[in-house]
C-alpha atoms as a PDB file:
ATOM      1  CA  MET A   1      -5.771  -0.865   7.876  1.00  0.00           C
ATOM      2  CA  ARG A   2      -3.544  -3.507   6.325  1.00  0.00           C
ATOM      3  CA  TRP A   3      -3.839  -6.284   8.874  1.00  0.00           C
ATOM      4  CA  ASP A   4      -1.959  -8.714   6.625  1.00  0.00           C
ATOM      5  CA  ARG A   5       1.138  -6.528   6.882  1.00  0.00           C
ATOM      6  CA  ALA A   6       0.566  -5.734  10.569  1.00  0.00           C
ATOM      7  CA  THR A   7       0.263  -9.422  11.428  1.00  0.00           C
ATOM      8  CA  ARG A   8       3.636 -10.202   9.859  1.00  0.00           C
ATOM      9  CA  ILE A   9       5.295  -7.431  11.889  1.00  0.00           C
ATOM     10  CA  LEU A  10       3.555  -8.592  15.085  1.00  0.00           C
ATOM     11  CA  GLU A  11       4.754 -12.157  14.520  1.00  0.00           C
ATOM     12  CA  LYS A  12       8.358 -11.009  14.177  1.00  0.00           C
ATOM     13  CA  SER A  13       8.020  -8.706  17.183  1.00  0.00           C
ATOM     14  CA  ARG A  14       6.752 -11.526  19.406  1.00  0.00           C
ATOM     15  CA  GLU A  15      10.142 -13.192  18.961  1.00  0.00           C
ATOM     16  CA  LYS A  16      11.463 -10.297  21.078  1.00  0.00           C
ATOM     17  CA  GLY A  17       8.721 -10.694  23.657  1.00  0.00           C
ATOM     18  CA  ALA A  18       6.709  -7.686  22.486  1.00  0.00           C
ATOM     19  CA  VAL A  19       2.960  -7.721  23.134  1.00  0.00           C
ATOM     20  CA  GLY A  20       2.380  -5.085  20.471  1.00  0.00           C
ATOM     21  CA  ILE A  21       4.109  -2.514  18.287  1.00  0.00           C
ATOM     22  CA  LEU A  22       4.158   1.266  18.328  1.00  0.00           C
ATOM     23  CA  LEU A  23       5.036   2.841  14.995  1.00  0.00           C
ATOM     24  CA  THR A  24       6.186   6.459  15.158  1.00  0.00           C
ATOM     25  CA  ARG A  25       7.895   6.856  11.783  1.00  0.00           C
ATOM     26  CA  ARG A  26       5.625   8.354   9.153  1.00  0.00           C
ATOM     27  CA  GLU A  27       6.570   5.798   6.476  1.00  0.00           C
ATOM     28  CA  ASN A  28       5.646   2.889   8.737  1.00  0.00           C
ATOM     29  CA  VAL A  29       2.315   4.406   9.766  1.00  0.00           C
ATOM     30  CA  PHE A  30       1.546   4.950   6.068  1.00  0.00           C
ATOM     31  CA  TYR A  31       2.571   1.354   5.258  1.00  0.00           C
ATOM     32  CA  LEU A  32      -0.211  -0.009   7.480  1.00  0.00           C
ATOM     33  CA  THR A  33      -2.881   2.691   7.248  1.00  0.00           C
ATOM     34  CA  GLY A  34      -2.308   4.740   4.095  1.00  0.00           C
ATOM     35  CA  PHE A  35      -2.225   7.807   6.370  1.00  0.00           C
ATOM     36  CA  ASN A  36       0.929   9.891   6.702  1.00  0.00           C
ATOM     37  CA  ALA A  37       0.659  11.306  10.205  1.00  0.00           C
ATOM     38  CA  GLY A  38       0.248  10.254  13.819  1.00  0.00           C
ATOM     39  CA  VAL A  39       1.438   7.278  15.853  1.00  0.00           C
ATOM     40  CA  LEU A  40       0.071   3.773  15.349  1.00  0.00           C
ATOM     41  CA  LEU A  41      -0.355   1.298  18.207  1.00  0.00           C
ATOM     42  CA  VAL A  42      -0.996  -2.234  16.961  1.00  0.00           C
ATOM     43  CA  LEU A  43      -2.070  -5.038  19.299  1.00  0.00           C
ATOM     44  CA  PRO A  44      -3.054  -8.565  18.247  1.00  0.00           C
ATOM     45  CA  HIS A  45      -6.763  -7.754  17.924  1.00  0.00           C
ATOM     46  CA  GLU A  46      -7.008  -3.985  17.667  1.00  0.00           C
ATOM     47  CA  ALA A  47      -5.133  -0.942  16.436  1.00  0.00           C
ATOM     48  CA  TRP A  48      -5.159   2.678  17.541  1.00  0.00           C
ATOM     49  CA  LEU A  49      -4.136   5.652  15.432  1.00  0.00           C
ATOM     50  CA  LEU A  50      -3.174   8.489  17.766  1.00  0.00           C
ATOM     51  CA  VAL A  51      -3.145  11.831  15.975  1.00  0.00           C
ATOM     52  CA  PRO A  52      -2.654  15.473  17.003  1.00  0.00           C
ATOM     53  CA  ARG A  53      -5.765  17.625  17.027  1.00  0.00           C
ATOM     54  CA  LEU A  54      -4.917  19.307  13.706  1.00  0.00           C
ATOM     55  CA  GLU A  55      -5.018  15.921  11.915  1.00  0.00           C
ATOM     56  CA  GLU A  56      -8.264  14.660  13.469  1.00  0.00           C
ATOM     57  CA  ALA A  57     -10.682  15.630  10.691  1.00  0.00           C
ATOM     58  CA  ARG A  58      -8.432  14.320   7.926  1.00  0.00           C
ATOM     59  CA  ALA A  59      -7.872  11.040   9.763  1.00  0.00           C
ATOM     60  CA  ARG A  60     -11.600  10.492  10.294  1.00  0.00           C
ATOM     61  CA  GLN A  61     -12.174  10.889   6.559  1.00  0.00           C
ATOM     62  CA  GLN A  62      -9.246   8.841   5.286  1.00  0.00           C
ATOM     63  CA  VAL A  63      -8.561   6.010   7.745  1.00  0.00           C
ATOM     64  CA  GLU A  64     -10.595   2.833   8.192  1.00  0.00           C
ATOM     65  CA  GLY A  65     -10.171  -0.257  10.332  1.00  0.00           C
ATOM     66  CA  VAL A  66      -8.493   1.431  13.314  1.00  0.00           C
ATOM     67  CA  LYS A  67      -9.677   3.238  16.406  1.00  0.00           C
ATOM     68  CA  LEU A  68      -8.885   6.933  16.534  1.00  0.00           C
ATOM     69  CA  SER A  69      -7.483   8.783  19.521  1.00  0.00           C
ATOM     70  CA  VAL A  70      -6.680  12.511  19.562  1.00  0.00           C
ATOM     71  CA  TRP A  71      -4.005  14.290  21.614  1.00  0.00           C
ATOM     72  CA  ARG A  72      -3.125  17.950  22.091  1.00  0.00           C
ATOM     73  CA  ARG A  73       0.214  17.688  23.918  1.00  0.00           C
ATOM     74  CA  ARG A  74       2.945  15.060  23.551  1.00  0.00           C
ATOM     75  CA  GLU A  75       2.480  14.065  27.188  1.00  0.00           C
ATOM     76  CA  GLU A  76      -1.137  13.190  26.398  1.00  0.00           C
ATOM     77  CA  LEU A  77       0.033  10.928  23.583  1.00  0.00           C
ATOM     78  CA  TRP A  78       2.169   8.782  25.881  1.00  0.00           C
ATOM     79  CA  GLN A  79      -0.482   8.819  28.580  1.00  0.00           C
ATOM     80  CA  GLN A  80      -2.974   7.408  26.075  1.00  0.00           C
ATOM     81  CA  VAL A  81      -0.515   4.732  24.986  1.00  0.00           C
ATOM     82  CA  GLY A  82       0.120   3.774  28.629  1.00  0.00           C
ATOM     83  CA  GLU A  83      -3.622   3.458  29.231  1.00  0.00           C
ATOM     84  CA  LYS A  84      -4.022   1.076  26.306  1.00  0.00           C
ATOM     85  CA  VAL A  85      -1.072  -1.260  26.846  1.00  0.00           C
ATOM     86  CA  GLN A  86       1.592  -2.153  29.405  1.00  0.00           C
ATOM     87  CA  GLY A  87       4.718  -4.251  29.225  1.00  0.00           C
ATOM     88  CA  ARG A  88       7.175  -4.782  26.405  1.00  0.00           C
ATOM     89  CA  ILE A  89       6.300  -2.895  23.220  1.00  0.00           C
ATOM     90  CA  GLY A  90       8.145  -2.954  19.910  1.00  0.00           C
ATOM     91  CA  PHE A  91       9.162   0.512  18.688  1.00  0.00           C
ATOM     92  CA  ASP A  92      10.290   1.319  15.163  1.00  0.00           C
ATOM     93  CA  ALA A  93      12.192   4.358  16.497  1.00  0.00           C
ATOM     94  CA  LEU A  94      12.771   5.769  19.954  1.00  0.00           C
ATOM     95  CA  ASP A  95      15.032   8.676  20.763  1.00  0.00           C
ATOM     96  CA  ILE A  96      16.666   9.072  24.175  1.00  0.00           C
ATOM     97  CA  SER A  97      14.413  11.969  25.157  1.00  0.00           C
ATOM     98  CA  LEU A  98      11.371   9.662  25.023  1.00  0.00           C
ATOM     99  CA  LEU A  99      12.899   6.690  26.799  1.00  0.00           C
ATOM    100  CA  GLU A 100      12.243   7.945  30.333  1.00  0.00           C
ATOM    101  CA  VAL A 101       8.750   9.117  29.384  1.00  0.00           C
ATOM    102  CA  VAL A 102       7.546   5.746  28.102  1.00  0.00           C
ATOM    103  CA  GLN A 103       9.170   3.859  30.968  1.00  0.00           C
ATOM    104  CA  ARG A 104       7.208   6.018  33.441  1.00  0.00           C
ATOM    105  CA  LYS A 105       4.044   4.840  31.702  1.00  0.00           C
ATOM    106  CA  GLY A 106       4.874   1.208  32.406  1.00  0.00           C
ATOM    107  CA  ILE A 107       6.160   0.514  28.916  1.00  0.00           C
ATOM    108  CA  GLU A 108       9.345  -1.426  28.230  1.00  0.00           C
ATOM    109  CA  PRO A 109      10.514  -0.415  24.753  1.00  0.00           C
ATOM    110  CA  VAL A 110      12.352  -2.816  22.458  1.00  0.00           C
ATOM    111  CA  SER A 111      13.527  -1.983  18.958  1.00  0.00           C
ATOM    112  CA  VAL A 112      11.750  -3.720  16.079  1.00  0.00           C
ATOM    113  CA  ALA A 113      13.101  -1.405  13.370  1.00  0.00           C
ATOM    114  CA  LYS A 114      14.877  -4.302  11.663  1.00  0.00           C
ATOM    115  CA  GLU A 115      11.761  -6.460  11.785  1.00  0.00           C
ATOM    116  CA  VAL A 116       9.629  -3.717  10.223  1.00  0.00           C
ATOM    117  CA  TYR A 117      12.107  -3.297   7.378  1.00  0.00           C
ATOM    118  CA  GLU A 118      12.199  -7.074   6.831  1.00  0.00           C
ATOM    119  CA  VAL A 119       8.459  -7.035   6.204  1.00  0.00           C
ATOM    120  CA  ARG A 120       8.542  -3.852   4.120  1.00  0.00           C
ATOM    121  CA  ARG A 121      11.285  -5.265   1.871  1.00  0.00           C
ATOM    122  CA  ARG A 122       8.946  -7.686   0.120  1.00  0.00           C
ATOM    123  CA  LYS A 123       6.881  -5.376  -2.064  1.00  0.00           C
ATOM    124  CA  ASP A 124       3.491  -6.695  -3.124  1.00  0.00           C
ATOM    125  CA  GLU A 125       1.954  -6.115  -6.552  1.00  0.00           C
ATOM    126  CA  GLU A 126       0.231  -2.906  -5.467  1.00  0.00           C
ATOM    127  CA  GLU A 127       3.481  -1.449  -4.150  1.00  0.00           C
ATOM    128  CA  ILE A 128       5.369  -2.375  -7.299  1.00  0.00           C
ATOM    129  CA  ARG A 129       2.678  -0.662  -9.395  1.00  0.00           C
ATOM    130  CA  ARG A 130       3.112   2.477  -7.308  1.00  0.00           C
ATOM    131  CA  ILE A 131       6.885   2.432  -7.698  1.00  0.00           C
ATOM    132  CA  GLU A 132       6.510   1.873 -11.432  1.00  0.00           C
ATOM    133  CA  ALA A 133       4.129   4.848 -11.599  1.00  0.00           C
ATOM    134  CA  ALA A 134       6.777   6.933  -9.815  1.00  0.00           C
ATOM    135  CA  VAL A 135       9.347   5.734 -12.360  1.00  0.00           C
ATOM    136  CA  ARG A 136       7.126   6.830 -15.265  1.00  0.00           C
ATOM    137  CA  VAL A 137       6.739  10.288 -13.725  1.00  0.00           C
ATOM    138  CA  THR A 138      10.502  10.521 -13.102  1.00  0.00           C
ATOM    139  CA  GLU A 139      11.140   9.696 -16.736  1.00  0.00           C
ATOM    140  CA  GLU A 140       9.120  12.784 -17.679  1.00  0.00           C
ATOM    141  CA  GLY A 141      11.648  14.767 -15.671  1.00  0.00           C
ATOM    142  CA  LEU A 142      14.528  13.171 -17.556  1.00  0.00           C
ATOM    143  CA  LYS A 143      12.780  13.893 -20.845  1.00  0.00           C
ATOM    144  CA  ALA A 144      12.490  17.563 -19.882  1.00  0.00           C
ATOM    145  CA  VAL A 145      16.207  17.641 -19.084  1.00  0.00           C
ATOM    146  CA  GLU A 146      17.126  16.037 -22.400  1.00  0.00           C
ATOM    147  CA  GLU A 147      14.990  18.527 -24.328  1.00  0.00           C
ATOM    148  CA  GLY A 148      16.182  21.566 -22.370  1.00  0.00           C
ATOM    149  CA  LEU A 149      19.894  20.777 -22.287  1.00  0.00           C
ATOM    150  CA  ARG A 150      21.923  23.616 -23.823  1.00  0.00           C
ATOM    151  CA  PRO A 151      25.015  25.744 -23.174  1.00  0.00           C
ATOM    152  CA  GLY A 152      24.418  28.705 -20.868  1.00  0.00           C
ATOM    153  CA  LEU A 153      21.659  27.066 -18.849  1.00  0.00           C
ATOM    154  CA  ARG A 154      22.405  26.904 -15.128  1.00  0.00           C
ATOM    155  CA  GLU A 155      22.288  23.667 -13.164  1.00  0.00           C
ATOM    156  CA  ARG A 156      19.463  25.058 -11.021  1.00  0.00           C
ATOM    157  CA  GLU A 157      17.448  25.946 -14.112  1.00  0.00           C
ATOM    158  CA  LEU A 158      17.845  22.440 -15.474  1.00  0.00           C
ATOM    159  CA  ALA A 159      16.766  20.997 -12.112  1.00  0.00           C
ATOM    160  CA  SER A 160      13.694  23.251 -12.214  1.00  0.00           C
ATOM    161  CA  LEU A 161      12.750  21.900 -15.630  1.00  0.00           C
ATOM    162  CA  ALA A 162      12.885  18.368 -14.258  1.00  0.00           C
ATOM    163  CA  GLU A 163      10.936  19.232 -11.115  1.00  0.00           C
ATOM    164  CA  ARG A 164       8.205  21.053 -13.016  1.00  0.00           C
ATOM    165  CA  ALA A 165       7.814  18.185 -15.481  1.00  0.00           C
ATOM    166  CA  MET A 166       7.508  15.658 -12.657  1.00  0.00           C
ATOM    167  CA  ARG A 167       4.949  17.752 -10.788  1.00  0.00           C
ATOM    168  CA  GLU A 168       2.888  18.206 -13.934  1.00  0.00           C
ATOM    169  CA  ALA A 169       3.070  14.448 -14.592  1.00  0.00           C
ATOM    170  CA  GLY A 170       1.657  13.624 -11.158  1.00  0.00           C
ATOM    171  CA  ALA A 171       4.443  13.724  -8.574  1.00  0.00           C
ATOM    172  CA  GLU A 172       3.111  14.491  -5.111  1.00  0.00           C
ATOM    173  CA  TRP A 173       6.672  15.426  -4.159  1.00  0.00           C
ATOM    174  CA  PHE A 174      10.263  14.364  -4.852  1.00  0.00           C
ATOM    175  CA  SER A 175      12.141  11.396  -3.434  1.00  0.00           C
ATOM    176  CA  PHE A 176      15.125  13.630  -2.664  1.00  0.00           C
ATOM    177  CA  GLU A 177      16.686  16.918  -3.701  1.00  0.00           C
ATOM    178  CA  CYS A 178      17.333  16.810  -7.443  1.00  0.00           C
ATOM    179  CA  ILE A 179      21.000  16.486  -8.423  1.00  0.00           C
ATOM    180  CA  VAL A 180      22.229  18.221 -11.554  1.00  0.00           C
ATOM    181  CA  ALA A 181      26.023  18.078 -11.761  1.00  0.00           C
ATOM    182  CA  SER A 182      27.761  19.496 -14.820  1.00  0.00           C
ATOM    183  CA  GLY A 183      31.340  19.474 -16.080  1.00  0.00           C
ATOM    184  CA  PRO A 184      33.833  18.892 -13.244  1.00  0.00           C
ATOM    185  CA  ASN A 185      30.915  18.916 -10.768  1.00  0.00           C
ATOM    186  CA  SER A 186      29.748  15.630 -12.263  1.00  0.00           C
ATOM    187  CA  ALA A 187      32.729  13.950 -10.587  1.00  0.00           C
ATOM    188  CA  PHE A 188      31.036  14.522  -7.192  1.00  0.00           C
ATOM    189  CA  PRO A 189      28.413  11.772  -6.673  1.00  0.00           C
ATOM    190  CA  HIS A 190      26.268  13.926  -4.332  1.00  0.00           C
ATOM    191  CA  HIS A 191      26.943  17.352  -5.794  1.00  0.00           C
ATOM    192  CA  ARG A 192      24.618  20.104  -4.578  1.00  0.00           C
ATOM    193  CA  THR A 193      22.997  21.640  -7.641  1.00  0.00           C
ATOM    194  CA  SER A 194      24.570  25.059  -8.218  1.00  0.00           C
ATOM    195  CA  ASP A 195      24.431  28.156 -10.425  1.00  0.00           C
ATOM    196  CA  ARG A 196      27.176  26.868 -12.700  1.00  0.00           C
ATOM    197  CA  GLU A 197      26.380  27.443 -16.375  1.00  0.00           C
ATOM    198  CA  LEU A 198      26.516  24.456 -18.693  1.00  0.00           C
ATOM    199  CA  GLN A 199      29.258  24.583 -21.308  1.00  0.00           C
ATOM    200  CA  ARG A 200      29.820  22.746 -24.558  1.00  0.00           C
ATOM    201  CA  GLY A 201      31.531  19.444 -23.921  1.00  0.00           C
ATOM    202  CA  ASP A 202      30.155  19.102 -20.377  1.00  0.00           C
ATOM    203  CA  ALA A 203      29.078  15.759 -19.010  1.00  0.00           C
ATOM    204  CA  VAL A 204      25.901  16.319 -16.968  1.00  0.00           C
ATOM    205  CA  VAL A 205      24.840  13.788 -14.329  1.00  0.00           C
ATOM    206  CA  VAL A 206      21.135  14.115 -13.515  1.00  0.00           C
ATOM    207  CA  ASP A 207      19.853  12.110 -10.522  1.00  0.00           C
ATOM    208  CA  ILE A 208      16.137  12.645  -9.824  1.00  0.00           C
ATOM    209  CA  GLY A 209      13.169  10.846  -8.332  1.00  0.00           C
ATOM    210  CA  ALA A 210       9.435  11.415  -8.040  1.00  0.00           C
ATOM    211  CA  ARG A 211       7.229  10.312  -5.159  1.00  0.00           C
ATOM    212  CA  VAL A 212       3.830   8.980  -6.253  1.00  0.00           C
ATOM    213  CA  ASN A 213       1.190   7.552  -3.914  1.00  0.00           C
ATOM    214  CA  GLY A 214       3.780   7.462  -1.155  1.00  0.00           C
ATOM    215  CA  TYR A 215       6.413   5.516  -3.120  1.00  0.00           C
ATOM    216  CA  CYS A 216       9.746   6.650  -4.512  1.00  0.00           C
ATOM    217  CA  ALA A 217      11.638   6.315  -7.765  1.00  0.00           C
ATOM    218  CA  ASP A 218      15.347   7.024  -8.232  1.00  0.00           C
ATOM    219  CA  LEU A 219      16.866   7.318 -11.705  1.00  0.00           C
ATOM    220  CA  THR A 220      20.133   8.731 -13.039  1.00  0.00           C
ATOM    221  CA  ARG A 221      21.275   9.490 -16.556  1.00  0.00           C
ATOM    222  CA  THR A 222      24.460  11.136 -17.782  1.00  0.00           C
ATOM    223  CA  PHE A 223      23.997  13.567 -20.655  1.00  0.00           C
ATOM    224  CA  VAL A 224      26.477  15.489 -22.773  1.00  0.00           C
ATOM    225  CA  VAL A 225      26.221  19.089 -23.952  1.00  0.00           C
ATOM    226  CA  GLY A 226      27.366  18.962 -27.557  1.00  0.00           C
ATOM    227  CA  ARG A 227      30.492  16.906 -28.230  1.00  0.00           C
ATOM    228  CA  ALA A 228      31.575  14.513 -25.486  1.00  0.00           C
ATOM    229  CA  PRO A 229      34.813  15.235 -23.579  1.00  0.00           C
ATOM    230  CA  GLU A 230      37.904  13.142 -24.273  1.00  0.00           C
ATOM    231  CA  SER A 231      37.675   9.544 -23.006  1.00  0.00           C
ATOM    232  CA  PHE A 232      34.015  10.022 -22.069  1.00  0.00           C
ATOM    233  CA  GLU A 233      32.666   7.405 -24.467  1.00  0.00           C
ATOM    234  CA  GLU A 234      35.052   4.774 -23.119  1.00  0.00           C
ATOM    235  CA  VAL A 235      34.069   5.484 -19.514  1.00  0.00           C
ATOM    236  CA  TRP A 236      30.361   5.705 -20.289  1.00  0.00           C
ATOM    237  CA  SER A 237      30.428   2.363 -22.136  1.00  0.00           C
ATOM    238  CA  ALA A 238      32.265   0.741 -19.213  1.00  0.00           C
ATOM    239  CA  VAL A 239      29.693   2.004 -16.704  1.00  0.00           C
ATOM    240  CA  LEU A 240      26.822   0.784 -18.883  1.00  0.00           C
ATOM    241  CA  GLU A 241      28.371  -2.672 -19.196  1.00  0.00           C
ATOM    242  CA  ALA A 242      28.992  -2.804 -15.454  1.00  0.00           C
ATOM    243  CA  GLN A 243      25.327  -2.006 -14.851  1.00  0.00           C
ATOM    244  CA  LYS A 244      24.197  -4.703 -17.279  1.00  0.00           C
ATOM    245  CA  LEU A 245      26.412  -7.274 -15.539  1.00  0.00           C
ATOM    246  CA  ALA A 246      25.007  -6.347 -12.126  1.00  0.00           C
ATOM    247  CA  ILE A 247      21.401  -6.564 -13.348  1.00  0.00           C
ATOM    248  CA  ALA A 248      22.115  -9.953 -14.926  1.00  0.00           C
ATOM    249  CA  GLY A 249      23.193 -11.216 -11.486  1.00  0.00           C
ATOM    250  CA  ILE A 250      19.999 -10.180  -9.739  1.00  0.00           C
ATOM    251  CA  ARG A 251      17.554 -12.873  -8.662  1.00  0.00           C
ATOM    252  CA  ALA A 252      15.962 -14.083  -5.441  1.00  0.00           C
ATOM    253  CA  GLY A 253      18.662 -15.770  -3.361  1.00  0.00           C
ATOM    254  CA  ALA A 254      21.575 -13.852  -4.877  1.00  0.00           C
ATOM    255  CA  ARG A 255      24.002 -12.365  -2.369  1.00  0.00           C
ATOM    256  CA  CYS A 256      24.053  -8.563  -2.441  1.00  0.00           C
ATOM    257  CA  ALA A 257      27.852  -8.444  -2.277  1.00  0.00           C
ATOM    258  CA  GLU A 258      28.085 -10.714  -5.309  1.00  0.00           C
ATOM    259  CA  VAL A 259      25.805  -8.451  -7.359  1.00  0.00           C
ATOM    260  CA  ASP A 260      28.028  -5.522  -6.410  1.00  0.00           C
ATOM    261  CA  ALA A 261      31.123  -7.546  -7.324  1.00  0.00           C
ATOM    262  CA  ARG A 262      29.885  -8.153 -10.873  1.00  0.00           C
ATOM    263  CA  ALA A 263      29.923  -4.409 -11.574  1.00  0.00           C
ATOM    264  CA  ARG A 264      32.993  -3.646  -9.478  1.00  0.00           C
ATOM    265  CA  LYS A 265      35.186  -6.369 -10.946  1.00  0.00           C
ATOM    266  CA  PHE A 266      34.424  -5.278 -14.498  1.00  0.00           C
ATOM    267  CA  LEU A 267      35.360  -1.670 -13.730  1.00  0.00           C
ATOM    268  CA  GLU A 268      38.524  -2.812 -11.975  1.00  0.00           C
ATOM    269  CA  GLU A 269      39.501  -4.741 -15.090  1.00  0.00           C
ATOM    270  CA  ARG A 270      39.090  -1.505 -17.045  1.00  0.00           C
ATOM    271  CA  LYS A 271      41.381   0.313 -14.554  1.00  0.00           C
ATOM    272  CA  LEU A 272      38.378   2.276 -13.290  1.00  0.00           C
ATOM    273  CA  GLY A 273      37.806   0.484  -9.989  1.00  0.00           C
ATOM    274  CA  GLU A 274      39.371   3.226  -7.859  1.00  0.00           C
ATOM    275  CA  ALA A 275      36.947   5.721  -9.393  1.00  0.00           C
ATOM    276  CA  PHE A 276      33.891   3.657  -8.401  1.00  0.00           C
ATOM    277  CA  ILE A 277      33.501   5.053  -4.895  1.00  0.00           C
ATOM    278  CA  HIS A 278      30.047   3.939  -3.724  1.00  0.00           C
ATOM    279  CA  SER A 279      27.863   0.862  -3.564  1.00  0.00           C
ATOM    280  CA  THR A 280      26.163  -0.529  -6.659  1.00  0.00           C
ATOM    281  CA  GLY A 281      22.670   0.103  -5.338  1.00  0.00           C
ATOM    282  CA  HIS A 282      20.105   0.159  -2.550  1.00  0.00           C
ATOM    283  CA  GLY A 283      16.496  -0.688  -1.867  1.00  0.00           C
ATOM    284  CA  ILE A 284      13.698   1.791  -2.584  1.00  0.00           C
ATOM    285  CA  GLY A 285      10.057   1.966  -1.591  1.00  0.00           C
ATOM    286  CA  LEU A 286       8.384   4.313   0.857  1.00  0.00           C
ATOM    287  CA  GLU A 287      11.877   5.727   1.393  1.00  0.00           C
ATOM    288  CA  VAL A 288      14.475   6.384  -1.247  1.00  0.00           C
ATOM    289  CA  HIS A 289      17.096   4.463   0.739  1.00  0.00           C
ATOM    290  CA  GLU A 290      15.941   1.183   2.247  1.00  0.00           C
ATOM    291  CA  PRO A 291      17.416  -2.280   2.764  1.00  0.00           C
ATOM    292  CA  PRO A 292      18.940  -4.144   1.079  1.00  0.00           C
ATOM    293  CA  ARG A 293      22.235  -2.584   0.018  1.00  0.00           C
ATOM    294  CA  LEU A 294      24.070  -3.840  -3.054  1.00  0.00           C
ATOM    295  CA  SER A 295      27.370  -3.320  -1.303  1.00  0.00           C
ATOM    296  CA  PRO A 296      30.669  -5.221  -1.117  1.00  0.00           C
ATOM    297  CA  TYR A 297      30.065  -5.396   2.653  1.00  0.00           C
ATOM    298  CA  SER A 298      26.533  -6.816   2.564  1.00  0.00           C
ATOM    299  CA  ASN A 299      25.997 -10.540   3.124  1.00  0.00           C
ATOM    300  CA  GLU A 300      22.231 -10.193   2.753  1.00  0.00           C
ATOM    301  CA  LEU A 301      20.419 -12.320   0.195  1.00  0.00           C
ATOM    302  CA  LEU A 302      17.975 -10.731  -2.207  1.00  0.00           C
ATOM    303  CA  VAL A 303      14.347 -11.814  -1.860  1.00  0.00           C
ATOM    304  CA  ALA A 304      11.524 -11.795  -4.368  1.00  0.00           C
ATOM    305  CA  GLY A 305       9.758  -8.452  -4.021  1.00  0.00           C
ATOM    306  CA  ASP A 306      12.865  -6.408  -3.297  1.00  0.00           C
ATOM    307  CA  VAL A 307      13.021  -3.282  -5.441  1.00  0.00           C
ATOM    308  CA  VAL A 308      16.558  -1.982  -5.805  1.00  0.00           C
ATOM    309  CA  THR A 309      18.509   0.626  -7.703  1.00  0.00           C
ATOM    310  CA  VAL A 310      21.452  -0.461  -9.843  1.00  0.00           C
ATOM    311  CA  GLU A 311      23.752   2.536 -10.243  1.00  0.00           C
ATOM    312  CA  PRO A 312      27.448   1.992 -10.876  1.00  0.00           C
ATOM    313  CA  GLY A 313      29.431   5.148 -11.475  1.00  0.00           C
ATOM    314  CA  VAL A 314      32.910   6.390 -12.315  1.00  0.00           C
ATOM    315  CA  TYR A 315      34.154   9.753 -11.054  1.00  0.00           C
ATOM    316  CA  LEU A 316      37.310  11.350 -12.464  1.00  0.00           C
ATOM    317  CA  GLU A 317      38.031  14.361 -10.283  1.00  0.00           C
ATOM    318  CA  GLY A 318      38.624  17.575 -12.205  1.00  0.00           C
ATOM    319  CA  MET A 319      37.260  16.006 -15.401  1.00  0.00           C
ATOM    320  CA  PHE A 320      33.827  14.411 -15.344  1.00  0.00           C
ATOM    321  CA  GLY A 321      31.689  11.684 -13.826  1.00  0.00           C
ATOM    322  CA  VAL A 322      29.334   9.069 -15.250  1.00  0.00           C
ATOM    323  CA  ARG A 323      26.494   7.308 -13.438  1.00  0.00           C
ATOM    324  CA  ILE A 324      23.639   5.250 -14.881  1.00  0.00           C
ATOM    325  CA  GLU A 325      20.836   4.205 -12.526  1.00  0.00           C
ATOM    326  CA  ASP A 326      17.700   2.149 -13.014  1.00  0.00           C
ATOM    327  CA  ASP A 327      15.079   0.688 -10.667  1.00  0.00           C
ATOM    328  CA  VAL A 328      14.765  -3.088 -10.677  1.00  0.00           C
ATOM    329  CA  VAL A 329      12.315  -5.602  -9.175  1.00  0.00           C
ATOM    330  CA  VAL A 330      13.826  -8.840  -7.856  1.00  0.00           C
ATOM    331  CA  THR A 331      11.947 -11.974  -8.935  1.00  0.00           C
ATOM    332  CA  GLU A 332      12.537 -15.697  -8.534  1.00  0.00           C
ATOM    333  CA  GLU A 333      13.648 -15.845 -12.162  1.00  0.00           C
ATOM    334  CA  GLY A 334      15.816 -12.740 -12.283  1.00  0.00           C
ATOM    335  CA  ALA A 335      15.355  -8.982 -12.591  1.00  0.00           C
ATOM    336  CA  LYS A 336      12.579  -6.831 -14.021  1.00  0.00           C
ATOM    337  CA  VAL A 337      13.814  -3.367 -14.977  1.00  0.00           C
ATOM    338  CA  LEU A 338      11.059  -0.815 -14.373  1.00  0.00           C
ATOM    339  CA  SER A 339      12.673   2.145 -16.111  1.00  0.00           C
ATOM    340  CA  ARG A 340      12.485   2.622 -19.878  1.00  0.00           C
ATOM    341  CA  PHE A 341      14.220   5.937 -20.472  1.00  0.00           C
ATOM    342  CA  PRO A 342      17.127   5.554 -22.936  1.00  0.00           C
ATOM    343  CA  ARG A 343      20.552   5.332 -21.348  1.00  0.00           C
ATOM    344  CA  SER A 344      22.375   6.977 -24.258  1.00  0.00           C
ATOM    345  CA  PRO A 345      24.039  10.295 -23.312  1.00  0.00           C
ATOM    346  CA  VAL A 346      23.015  12.039 -26.551  1.00  0.00           C
END
C-alpha cells in the first residue's frame, strides 16, 4: 500500500469535507496497491481492499498493508463499506445506479476524481521508469513495422507484426487498439485498421502503445512504402519542425495552450493549420489519456513529473496524413524525450 500517495489524495479530499475516499476505478486501485481489481476504501489510519470472491486468493498473495474484505454480491460490497464508514466519502467515480444504494448505507458521496488525477499527474521516478520501459517495448513494435513494410501487406497484418513484437518484448497488453492507416486512410487520425493492402507510394501512419507494469506508452511514426507521394516530404518536415518547437516549449510552469500554440502557429504559417485537427498532446500514465491536455483550450500549467505525448499531425483528405508522436517527461529545466526510435519515414 502506497500510503504516501494515499495521504496526498486524502489531504485534497478533506478540502471537500470527505472523511475518506472510495476508489472504484481499476487504475486508481492499482495506483495505491499495485493490485488491479476490487474497490479500495482509504481512511486516515487504515485501508480496506474489498474484492469479489474470485479475486480473494490472488489478493492475499499480492497485496500488503491493507485489510482484506471479500464480497459475493454487489449489495454485500456496499453493506461492508457502510459498516466501515459513514458520512461524506470521496468517490473517484459513481454512476447514477449506485447513488441511491450508497445513500441508503448512510454515505454521502462527493466526487474527488479531479483530486485523484492531480496527485497521479506528478509521476515519481518509479513510474517514469515504468513508462520508459513501455516506450522501449513499443519501439520494438515500430521496428517490426519498419522491417515488415512492403506492398501487398494488409493493414491488419502490419498491426499484427507490431503487436507480436511488443508481446514478445514484454508487453502485458496494449495501451489501445493499434492504428495502422495507409494511403488515403492515413488522413483519418483515428482510422480503424482495415484489410486494405499497402501500395507503393503509400504514407502509413502507425500509432501503437505497449502497457508494461501497468503503465502506458503511446508512439506514432509515419512510414512510406517505396517512393514518397507528391508533397509528402514538405508536409512531413513541417510536422517534425512543429513537434520540435512544441517540445522546446515544455517545462514546469509552461501553459499547456502555449505549448500547443508553438506547433499550431508554425503549421498555420506553412498553410497547414486547417489540416491540424486535434490537440498537440495529452498526459499518459496508468491510462493512455490523462490530464493534462496540450490543447489550445487548456489553461493548465505543466508540472514537473507530468508525462505527455507531443503529436502534431497534418491530414490531407483523399491524399495522405502525417503524424509524429513521442513521449516526454516534464522537468523544471525543460523536457526529457523518452522515445528513441528514428522519426525518419524511410
